[in-house]
Amino acid sequence: MSTDRPVTLAVVIGAHGVTGEVRLKVFAEDLTPYKSFNNGALTLKSTRHGSNGMIARIAEVTDRNAAEAMRGTELTVPRSALPPLAEGEYYHADLLGLPAFSTGGDAIGKVVAIDDFGAGDVIEIERDGGKRFMVPMNADAVPEWDGERLVVAEDFIS
C-alpha cells in the first residue's frame, strides 16, 4: 500500500452564495484536521453544515464563478495524512484495487467497489472476464487482508 497515494475526502458539488463558498459531498467523518488539499493547491479556511452537505470556504476560491468552476473537483490528501487504524479497521481506499485470492491461493479477481447497504460493508470483486460478485466484509467471508491482497473464503466465491 502506498502511503503517498492521494485519497479523496470530499468532492465539490456546487457553489454556495456569491462570495466563493462551495458545497461539498464529504466522505470522511471530519474534515477539520485537514487544511491543505490537492498537494497544497487548495487551502481549507472553514467549514459548516448546510442543508445539502457541507459548506466550505477555500482560500483560493474568491467568487461564485470560481466556485462554480470547482464543481466536480475532488479534495485529496496523501494516504499518509490519514490517522492510524486500530486492529481490524480499514480505509476503503486501501482495499480498492487489491487483488483477491481464495483461501486456497487461487487468483479470483480484484476489489472494484465497497458498498454499505445498512448491515456493514460489502466488497465487490471483478473477475478477469468482467463478471462481478459480492462478499460481506467480515471475518467469515474475508479472513485476511493487507496492503497486498484480500483473501476470500471458498464458501463465499461465486
N, C-alpha and C. Protein backbone atom coordinates (compact mmCIF):
# COMPACT_ATOMS: atom_id res chain seq x y z
N MET A 1 0.85 -1.18 0.00
CA MET A 1 0.00 0.00 0.00
C MET A 1 0.89 1.23 0.00
N SER A 2 0.65 2.14 -0.90
CA SER A 2 1.43 3.36 -1.00
C SER A 2 0.91 4.40 -0.01
N THR A 3 1.83 4.94 0.80
CA THR A 3 1.41 5.94 1.78
C THR A 3 1.28 7.32 1.14
N ASP A 4 1.77 7.49 -0.08
CA ASP A 4 1.69 8.79 -0.74
C ASP A 4 0.53 8.88 -1.73
N ARG A 5 -0.19 7.78 -1.93
CA ARG A 5 -1.31 7.76 -2.86
C ARG A 5 -2.39 8.75 -2.39
N PRO A 6 -2.93 9.58 -3.29
CA PRO A 6 -3.98 10.51 -2.86
C PRO A 6 -5.28 9.79 -2.52
N VAL A 7 -5.92 10.24 -1.46
CA VAL A 7 -7.21 9.70 -1.02
C VAL A 7 -8.21 10.85 -1.05
N THR A 8 -9.35 10.63 -1.69
CA THR A 8 -10.38 11.66 -1.80
C THR A 8 -11.20 11.71 -0.52
N LEU A 9 -11.23 12.89 0.11
CA LEU A 9 -12.02 13.09 1.32
C LEU A 9 -13.33 13.81 1.06
N ALA A 10 -13.41 14.54 -0.05
CA ALA A 10 -14.63 15.28 -0.39
C ALA A 10 -14.59 15.63 -1.86
N VAL A 11 -15.75 16.00 -2.39
CA VAL A 11 -15.83 16.49 -3.76
C VAL A 11 -16.75 17.72 -3.77
N VAL A 12 -16.38 18.70 -4.58
CA VAL A 12 -17.19 19.92 -4.70
C VAL A 12 -18.41 19.59 -5.55
N ILE A 13 -19.60 19.87 -5.00
CA ILE A 13 -20.84 19.58 -5.73
C ILE A 13 -21.53 20.85 -6.23
N GLY A 14 -20.96 22.01 -5.92
CA GLY A 14 -21.54 23.25 -6.43
C GLY A 14 -21.11 24.46 -5.63
N ALA A 15 -21.60 25.60 -6.07
CA ALA A 15 -21.32 26.87 -5.39
C ALA A 15 -22.39 27.13 -4.34
N HIS A 16 -22.04 27.95 -3.35
CA HIS A 16 -22.99 28.37 -2.32
C HIS A 16 -22.84 29.87 -2.15
N GLY A 17 -23.85 30.62 -2.50
CA GLY A 17 -23.80 32.06 -2.36
C GLY A 17 -22.95 32.71 -3.43
N VAL A 18 -22.59 33.99 -3.19
CA VAL A 18 -21.86 34.76 -4.20
C VAL A 18 -20.42 35.06 -3.80
N THR A 19 -20.01 34.65 -2.61
CA THR A 19 -18.68 35.02 -2.12
C THR A 19 -17.62 33.94 -2.34
N GLY A 20 -17.97 32.86 -3.05
CA GLY A 20 -16.97 31.85 -3.36
C GLY A 20 -17.03 30.60 -2.51
N GLU A 21 -18.02 30.48 -1.63
CA GLU A 21 -18.14 29.25 -0.85
C GLU A 21 -18.58 28.11 -1.76
N VAL A 22 -18.21 26.89 -1.38
CA VAL A 22 -18.59 25.71 -2.17
C VAL A 22 -19.34 24.72 -1.30
N ARG A 23 -20.20 23.93 -1.95
CA ARG A 23 -20.88 22.83 -1.27
C ARG A 23 -20.07 21.57 -1.50
N LEU A 24 -19.89 20.78 -0.44
CA LEU A 24 -19.09 19.57 -0.53
C LEU A 24 -19.90 18.33 -0.21
N LYS A 25 -19.61 17.26 -0.92
CA LYS A 25 -20.04 15.93 -0.51
C LYS A 25 -18.82 15.34 0.18
N VAL A 26 -18.98 15.03 1.46
CA VAL A 26 -17.83 14.62 2.28
C VAL A 26 -17.83 13.11 2.49
N PHE A 27 -16.66 12.50 2.34
CA PHE A 27 -16.51 11.06 2.51
C PHE A 27 -15.77 10.71 3.79
N ALA A 28 -15.44 11.70 4.60
CA ALA A 28 -14.72 11.49 5.86
C ALA A 28 -15.63 11.87 7.02
N GLU A 29 -15.32 11.35 8.19
CA GLU A 29 -16.10 11.71 9.37
C GLU A 29 -15.90 13.17 9.74
N ASP A 30 -14.68 13.68 9.53
CA ASP A 30 -14.36 15.03 9.96
C ASP A 30 -13.26 15.60 9.06
N LEU A 31 -13.52 16.75 8.45
CA LEU A 31 -12.52 17.40 7.61
C LEU A 31 -11.62 18.36 8.38
N THR A 32 -12.00 18.71 9.60
CA THR A 32 -11.28 19.77 10.32
C THR A 32 -9.80 19.49 10.56
N PRO A 33 -9.34 18.24 10.66
CA PRO A 33 -7.89 18.05 10.83
C PRO A 33 -7.07 18.40 9.58
N TYR A 34 -7.73 18.58 8.46
CA TYR A 34 -7.01 18.80 7.20
C TYR A 34 -7.21 20.23 6.73
N LYS A 35 -6.13 20.90 6.40
CA LYS A 35 -6.21 22.27 5.89
C LYS A 35 -5.72 22.38 4.46
N SER A 36 -4.85 21.47 4.04
CA SER A 36 -4.26 21.52 2.72
C SER A 36 -4.71 20.31 1.90
N PHE A 37 -5.17 20.58 0.68
CA PHE A 37 -5.65 19.54 -0.21
C PHE A 37 -4.98 19.64 -1.57
N ASN A 38 -5.03 18.55 -2.31
CA ASN A 38 -4.54 18.50 -3.69
C ASN A 38 -3.09 19.00 -3.80
N ASN A 39 -2.24 18.39 -2.98
CA ASN A 39 -0.79 18.71 -2.97
C ASN A 39 -0.53 20.19 -2.69
N GLY A 40 -1.31 20.79 -1.81
CA GLY A 40 -1.11 22.17 -1.42
C GLY A 40 -1.78 23.19 -2.32
N ALA A 41 -2.47 22.76 -3.36
CA ALA A 41 -3.11 23.69 -4.29
C ALA A 41 -4.34 24.35 -3.69
N LEU A 42 -4.99 23.69 -2.72
CA LEU A 42 -6.21 24.22 -2.11
C LEU A 42 -6.07 24.26 -0.60
N THR A 43 -6.48 25.37 0.00
CA THR A 43 -6.40 25.55 1.44
C THR A 43 -7.79 25.73 2.02
N LEU A 44 -8.18 24.84 2.90
CA LEU A 44 -9.50 24.91 3.54
C LEU A 44 -9.45 25.93 4.67
N LYS A 45 -10.27 26.98 4.57
CA LYS A 45 -10.30 28.01 5.60
C LYS A 45 -11.34 27.71 6.67
N SER A 46 -12.53 27.23 6.24
CA SER A 46 -13.59 26.96 7.21
C SER A 46 -14.63 26.03 6.60
N THR A 47 -15.38 25.38 7.49
CA THR A 47 -16.50 24.53 7.06
C THR A 47 -17.66 24.74 8.01
N ARG A 48 -18.85 24.47 7.50
CA ARG A 48 -20.04 24.45 8.34
C ARG A 48 -21.05 23.53 7.67
N HIS A 49 -22.00 23.06 8.45
CA HIS A 49 -23.02 22.18 7.91
C HIS A 49 -24.04 22.99 7.14
N GLY A 50 -24.48 22.44 6.03
CA GLY A 50 -25.52 23.06 5.22
C GLY A 50 -26.66 22.08 5.03
N SER A 51 -27.72 22.52 4.38
CA SER A 51 -28.88 21.65 4.19
C SER A 51 -28.60 20.56 3.16
N ASN A 52 -27.62 20.77 2.30
CA ASN A 52 -27.29 19.78 1.27
C ASN A 52 -25.78 19.51 1.30
N GLY A 53 -25.31 18.90 2.38
CA GLY A 53 -23.88 18.63 2.52
C GLY A 53 -23.19 19.70 3.35
N MET A 54 -21.89 19.76 3.23
CA MET A 54 -21.10 20.72 3.99
C MET A 54 -20.80 21.93 3.11
N ILE A 55 -20.71 23.08 3.73
CA ILE A 55 -20.36 24.31 3.03
C ILE A 55 -18.95 24.68 3.48
N ALA A 56 -18.10 24.99 2.51
CA ALA A 56 -16.69 25.26 2.82
C ALA A 56 -16.23 26.55 2.15
N ARG A 57 -15.27 27.16 2.81
CA ARG A 57 -14.57 28.29 2.22
C ARG A 57 -13.14 27.83 1.94
N ILE A 58 -12.76 27.96 0.68
CA ILE A 58 -11.41 27.59 0.25
C ILE A 58 -10.69 28.87 -0.12
N ALA A 59 -9.50 29.07 0.43
CA ALA A 59 -8.78 30.33 0.28
C ALA A 59 -8.60 30.75 -1.17
N GLU A 60 -8.36 29.81 -2.05
CA GLU A 60 -8.08 30.12 -3.45
C GLU A 60 -9.33 30.40 -4.28
N VAL A 61 -10.51 30.24 -3.70
CA VAL A 61 -11.78 30.45 -4.41
C VAL A 61 -12.43 31.70 -3.82
N THR A 62 -12.51 32.77 -4.63
CA THR A 62 -12.93 34.05 -4.08
C THR A 62 -14.25 34.60 -4.62
N ASP A 63 -14.85 33.93 -5.60
CA ASP A 63 -16.14 34.41 -6.09
C ASP A 63 -16.97 33.23 -6.60
N ARG A 64 -18.22 33.52 -6.91
CA ARG A 64 -19.14 32.45 -7.33
C ARG A 64 -18.67 31.76 -8.61
N ASN A 65 -18.14 32.53 -9.56
CA ASN A 65 -17.68 31.92 -10.81
C ASN A 65 -16.58 30.90 -10.54
N ALA A 66 -15.65 31.24 -9.69
CA ALA A 66 -14.57 30.31 -9.34
C ALA A 66 -15.13 29.10 -8.61
N ALA A 67 -16.12 29.33 -7.75
CA ALA A 67 -16.75 28.22 -7.02
C ALA A 67 -17.47 27.28 -7.98
N GLU A 68 -18.19 27.84 -8.95
CA GLU A 68 -18.89 27.01 -9.95
C GLU A 68 -17.89 26.21 -10.78
N ALA A 69 -16.75 26.82 -11.09
CA ALA A 69 -15.73 26.13 -11.87
C ALA A 69 -15.12 24.96 -11.10
N MET A 70 -15.25 24.96 -9.80
CA MET A 70 -14.70 23.89 -8.96
C MET A 70 -15.59 22.64 -8.93
N ARG A 71 -16.82 22.75 -9.44
CA ARG A 71 -17.76 21.61 -9.41
C ARG A 71 -17.06 20.36 -9.95
N GLY A 72 -17.15 19.28 -9.18
CA GLY A 72 -16.55 18.02 -9.58
C GLY A 72 -15.11 17.84 -9.10
N THR A 73 -14.52 18.89 -8.55
CA THR A 73 -13.14 18.79 -8.06
C THR A 73 -13.08 17.94 -6.79
N GLU A 74 -12.22 16.96 -6.78
CA GLU A 74 -12.02 16.13 -5.60
C GLU A 74 -11.00 16.80 -4.69
N LEU A 75 -11.25 16.76 -3.40
CA LEU A 75 -10.29 17.26 -2.41
C LEU A 75 -9.55 16.05 -1.86
N THR A 76 -8.26 15.99 -2.13
CA THR A 76 -7.46 14.82 -1.76
C THR A 76 -6.36 15.18 -0.78
N VAL A 77 -5.97 14.18 0.00
CA VAL A 77 -4.81 14.26 0.88
C VAL A 77 -3.98 13.01 0.65
N PRO A 78 -2.70 13.04 0.98
CA PRO A 78 -1.91 11.81 0.86
C PRO A 78 -2.41 10.76 1.85
N ARG A 79 -2.35 9.51 1.49
CA ARG A 79 -2.78 8.42 2.38
C ARG A 79 -2.07 8.51 3.72
N SER A 80 -0.81 8.95 3.71
CA SER A 80 -0.03 9.04 4.95
C SER A 80 -0.57 10.09 5.92
N ALA A 81 -1.44 11.00 5.45
CA ALA A 81 -2.01 12.03 6.33
C ALA A 81 -3.20 11.52 7.13
N LEU A 82 -3.72 10.34 6.78
CA LEU A 82 -4.89 9.80 7.50
C LEU A 82 -4.46 9.23 8.84
N PRO A 83 -5.34 9.26 9.84
CA PRO A 83 -4.99 8.73 11.16
C PRO A 83 -4.75 7.21 11.11
N PRO A 84 -3.91 6.72 12.01
CA PRO A 84 -3.68 5.27 12.05
C PRO A 84 -4.95 4.53 12.43
N LEU A 85 -5.02 3.27 12.03
CA LEU A 85 -6.20 2.45 12.27
C LEU A 85 -5.97 1.45 13.38
N ALA A 86 -7.04 1.07 14.05
CA ALA A 86 -6.98 0.01 15.05
C ALA A 86 -7.02 -1.34 14.34
N GLU A 87 -6.69 -2.39 15.05
CA GLU A 87 -6.73 -3.74 14.50
C GLU A 87 -8.11 -4.05 13.92
N GLY A 88 -8.14 -4.58 12.69
CA GLY A 88 -9.40 -4.94 12.04
C GLY A 88 -10.08 -3.81 11.30
N GLU A 89 -9.59 -2.58 11.43
CA GLU A 89 -10.17 -1.45 10.70
C GLU A 89 -9.46 -1.29 9.36
N TYR A 90 -10.10 -0.60 8.44
CA TYR A 90 -9.51 -0.37 7.13
C TYR A 90 -10.11 0.89 6.53
N TYR A 91 -9.38 1.47 5.63
CA TYR A 91 -9.91 2.55 4.81
C TYR A 91 -10.33 1.93 3.48
N HIS A 92 -11.45 2.36 2.95
CA HIS A 92 -11.91 1.84 1.66
C HIS A 92 -10.83 2.01 0.61
N ALA A 93 -10.13 3.13 0.64
CA ALA A 93 -9.09 3.41 -0.35
C ALA A 93 -7.99 2.35 -0.32
N ASP A 94 -7.78 1.71 0.83
CA ASP A 94 -6.75 0.68 0.93
C ASP A 94 -7.18 -0.63 0.30
N LEU A 95 -8.48 -0.88 0.23
CA LEU A 95 -8.98 -2.14 -0.32
C LEU A 95 -9.24 -2.07 -1.82
N LEU A 96 -9.64 -0.91 -2.30
CA LEU A 96 -9.96 -0.77 -3.73
C LEU A 96 -8.74 -1.06 -4.59
N GLY A 97 -8.92 -1.95 -5.55
CA GLY A 97 -7.84 -2.31 -6.46
C GLY A 97 -7.00 -3.49 -6.00
N LEU A 98 -7.22 -3.95 -4.76
CA LEU A 98 -6.44 -5.10 -4.28
C LEU A 98 -6.79 -6.35 -5.07
N PRO A 99 -5.78 -7.16 -5.39
CA PRO A 99 -6.08 -8.46 -5.97
C PRO A 99 -6.73 -9.35 -4.92
N ALA A 100 -7.69 -10.15 -5.35
CA ALA A 100 -8.41 -11.04 -4.43
C ALA A 100 -8.03 -12.49 -4.75
N PHE A 101 -7.84 -13.25 -3.68
CA PHE A 101 -7.46 -14.66 -3.79
C PHE A 101 -8.40 -15.50 -2.94
N SER A 102 -8.55 -16.76 -3.31
CA SER A 102 -9.32 -17.69 -2.49
C SER A 102 -8.42 -18.15 -1.35
N THR A 103 -9.02 -18.74 -0.32
CA THR A 103 -8.21 -19.28 0.78
C THR A 103 -7.29 -20.39 0.28
N GLY A 104 -7.61 -20.98 -0.86
CA GLY A 104 -6.75 -21.99 -1.46
C GLY A 104 -5.60 -21.41 -2.27
N GLY A 105 -5.57 -20.09 -2.43
CA GLY A 105 -4.48 -19.44 -3.13
C GLY A 105 -4.74 -19.09 -4.58
N ASP A 106 -5.93 -19.41 -5.09
CA ASP A 106 -6.25 -19.10 -6.48
C ASP A 106 -6.63 -17.63 -6.64
N ALA A 107 -6.12 -16.99 -7.69
CA ALA A 107 -6.50 -15.61 -8.01
C ALA A 107 -7.95 -15.60 -8.46
N ILE A 108 -8.76 -14.71 -7.88
CA ILE A 108 -10.18 -14.68 -8.25
C ILE A 108 -10.62 -13.33 -8.82
N GLY A 109 -9.76 -12.33 -8.81
CA GLY A 109 -10.12 -11.03 -9.37
C GLY A 109 -9.52 -9.90 -8.57
N LYS A 110 -10.20 -8.75 -8.61
CA LYS A 110 -9.74 -7.60 -7.84
C LYS A 110 -10.93 -6.85 -7.25
N VAL A 111 -10.69 -6.15 -6.16
CA VAL A 111 -11.73 -5.38 -5.48
C VAL A 111 -12.00 -4.12 -6.31
N VAL A 112 -13.27 -3.96 -6.71
CA VAL A 112 -13.63 -2.81 -7.55
C VAL A 112 -14.60 -1.85 -6.87
N ALA A 113 -15.25 -2.29 -5.80
CA ALA A 113 -16.20 -1.40 -5.12
C ALA A 113 -16.43 -1.89 -3.69
N ILE A 114 -16.83 -0.96 -2.85
CA ILE A 114 -17.21 -1.27 -1.48
C ILE A 114 -18.50 -0.52 -1.21
N ASP A 115 -19.53 -1.26 -0.84
CA ASP A 115 -20.84 -0.66 -0.59
C ASP A 115 -21.27 -0.97 0.83
N ASP A 116 -22.18 -0.15 1.34
CA ASP A 116 -22.79 -0.42 2.64
C ASP A 116 -24.29 -0.25 2.46
N PHE A 117 -25.00 -1.37 2.50
CA PHE A 117 -26.45 -1.36 2.31
C PHE A 117 -27.19 -1.34 3.65
N GLY A 118 -26.46 -1.08 4.74
CA GLY A 118 -27.07 -0.97 6.05
C GLY A 118 -26.63 -2.01 7.05
N ALA A 119 -26.09 -3.11 6.59
CA ALA A 119 -25.67 -4.18 7.51
C ALA A 119 -24.15 -4.36 7.53
N GLY A 120 -23.43 -3.36 7.08
CA GLY A 120 -21.98 -3.44 7.04
C GLY A 120 -21.47 -3.43 5.62
N ASP A 121 -20.18 -3.28 5.47
CA ASP A 121 -19.58 -3.19 4.15
C ASP A 121 -19.69 -4.49 3.37
N VAL A 122 -19.87 -4.34 2.07
CA VAL A 122 -19.90 -5.45 1.13
C VAL A 122 -18.85 -5.16 0.07
N ILE A 123 -17.97 -6.12 -0.15
CA ILE A 123 -16.88 -5.99 -1.12
C ILE A 123 -17.36 -6.54 -2.47
N GLU A 124 -17.12 -5.78 -3.53
CA GLU A 124 -17.45 -6.26 -4.87
C GLU A 124 -16.15 -6.61 -5.58
N ILE A 125 -16.08 -7.83 -6.07
CA ILE A 125 -14.88 -8.33 -6.73
C ILE A 125 -15.21 -8.60 -8.19
N GLU A 126 -14.33 -8.14 -9.07
CA GLU A 126 -14.50 -8.37 -10.50
C GLU A 126 -13.50 -9.42 -10.97
N ARG A 127 -14.02 -10.44 -11.63
CA ARG A 127 -13.17 -11.49 -12.21
C ARG A 127 -12.53 -10.97 -13.49
N ASP A 128 -11.54 -11.67 -14.01
CA ASP A 128 -10.86 -11.24 -15.24
C ASP A 128 -11.81 -11.05 -16.41
N GLY A 129 -12.84 -11.88 -16.52
CA GLY A 129 -13.79 -11.77 -17.63
C GLY A 129 -14.80 -10.66 -17.47
N GLY A 130 -14.79 -9.95 -16.36
CA GLY A 130 -15.73 -8.85 -16.13
C GLY A 130 -16.89 -9.19 -15.23
N LYS A 131 -17.12 -10.48 -14.97
CA LYS A 131 -18.21 -10.87 -14.07
C LYS A 131 -17.86 -10.44 -12.65
N ARG A 132 -18.86 -9.96 -11.94
CA ARG A 132 -18.65 -9.47 -10.57
C ARG A 132 -19.46 -10.29 -9.58
N PHE A 133 -18.95 -10.36 -8.36
CA PHE A 133 -19.71 -10.95 -7.27
C PHE A 133 -19.38 -10.18 -5.99
N MET A 134 -20.25 -10.34 -4.99
CA MET A 134 -20.10 -9.59 -3.75
C MET A 134 -19.92 -10.53 -2.58
N VAL A 135 -19.15 -10.06 -1.60
CA VAL A 135 -18.98 -10.80 -0.35
C VAL A 135 -19.04 -9.81 0.81
N PRO A 136 -19.59 -10.21 1.94
CA PRO A 136 -19.60 -9.32 3.10
C PRO A 136 -18.18 -9.12 3.62
N MET A 137 -17.88 -7.94 4.10
CA MET A 137 -16.55 -7.68 4.65
C MET A 137 -16.60 -8.02 6.14
N ASN A 138 -16.51 -9.33 6.41
CA ASN A 138 -16.45 -9.81 7.79
C ASN A 138 -15.45 -10.96 7.85
N ALA A 139 -15.13 -11.40 9.05
CA ALA A 139 -14.09 -12.41 9.26
C ALA A 139 -14.43 -13.75 8.63
N ASP A 140 -15.72 -14.09 8.53
CA ASP A 140 -16.10 -15.36 7.91
C ASP A 140 -15.82 -15.35 6.41
N ALA A 141 -16.15 -14.27 5.74
CA ALA A 141 -16.00 -14.18 4.29
C ALA A 141 -14.61 -13.74 3.87
N VAL A 142 -14.02 -12.83 4.64
CA VAL A 142 -12.69 -12.29 4.32
C VAL A 142 -11.80 -12.51 5.55
N PRO A 143 -11.19 -13.68 5.64
CA PRO A 143 -10.41 -13.99 6.83
C PRO A 143 -9.12 -13.17 6.97
N GLU A 144 -8.63 -12.62 5.86
CA GLU A 144 -7.43 -11.79 5.96
C GLU A 144 -7.30 -10.83 4.80
N TRP A 145 -6.63 -9.73 5.05
CA TRP A 145 -6.29 -8.76 4.02
C TRP A 145 -5.13 -7.94 4.53
N ASP A 146 -4.40 -7.37 3.60
CA ASP A 146 -3.32 -6.45 3.94
C ASP A 146 -3.14 -5.50 2.76
N GLY A 147 -2.06 -4.81 2.69
CA GLY A 147 -1.85 -3.86 1.60
C GLY A 147 -1.53 -4.49 0.27
N GLU A 148 -1.39 -5.82 0.25
CA GLU A 148 -1.02 -6.52 -0.97
C GLU A 148 -2.13 -7.37 -1.57
N ARG A 149 -3.04 -7.88 -0.71
CA ARG A 149 -4.07 -8.78 -1.22
C ARG A 149 -5.22 -8.92 -0.24
N LEU A 150 -6.33 -9.44 -0.75
CA LEU A 150 -7.51 -9.73 0.06
C LEU A 150 -7.83 -11.21 -0.16
N VAL A 151 -8.09 -11.93 0.92
CA VAL A 151 -8.36 -13.37 0.82
C VAL A 151 -9.84 -13.61 1.13
N VAL A 152 -10.50 -14.37 0.24
CA VAL A 152 -11.92 -14.66 0.37
C VAL A 152 -12.10 -16.15 0.64
N ALA A 153 -12.93 -16.49 1.62
CA ALA A 153 -13.24 -17.88 1.94
C ALA A 153 -13.94 -18.54 0.76
N GLU A 154 -13.60 -19.78 0.51
CA GLU A 154 -14.14 -20.54 -0.63
C GLU A 154 -15.68 -20.54 -0.67
N ASP A 155 -16.33 -20.62 0.48
CA ASP A 155 -17.80 -20.69 0.55
C ASP A 155 -18.48 -19.43 0.02
N PHE A 156 -17.75 -18.33 -0.08
CA PHE A 156 -18.34 -17.06 -0.49
C PHE A 156 -18.03 -16.69 -1.95
N ILE A 157 -17.30 -17.54 -2.63
CA ILE A 157 -16.92 -17.27 -4.02
C ILE A 157 -17.99 -17.83 -4.95
N SER A 158 -18.48 -16.99 -5.83
CA SER A 158 -19.49 -17.45 -6.79
C SER A 158 -19.03 -17.23 -8.21
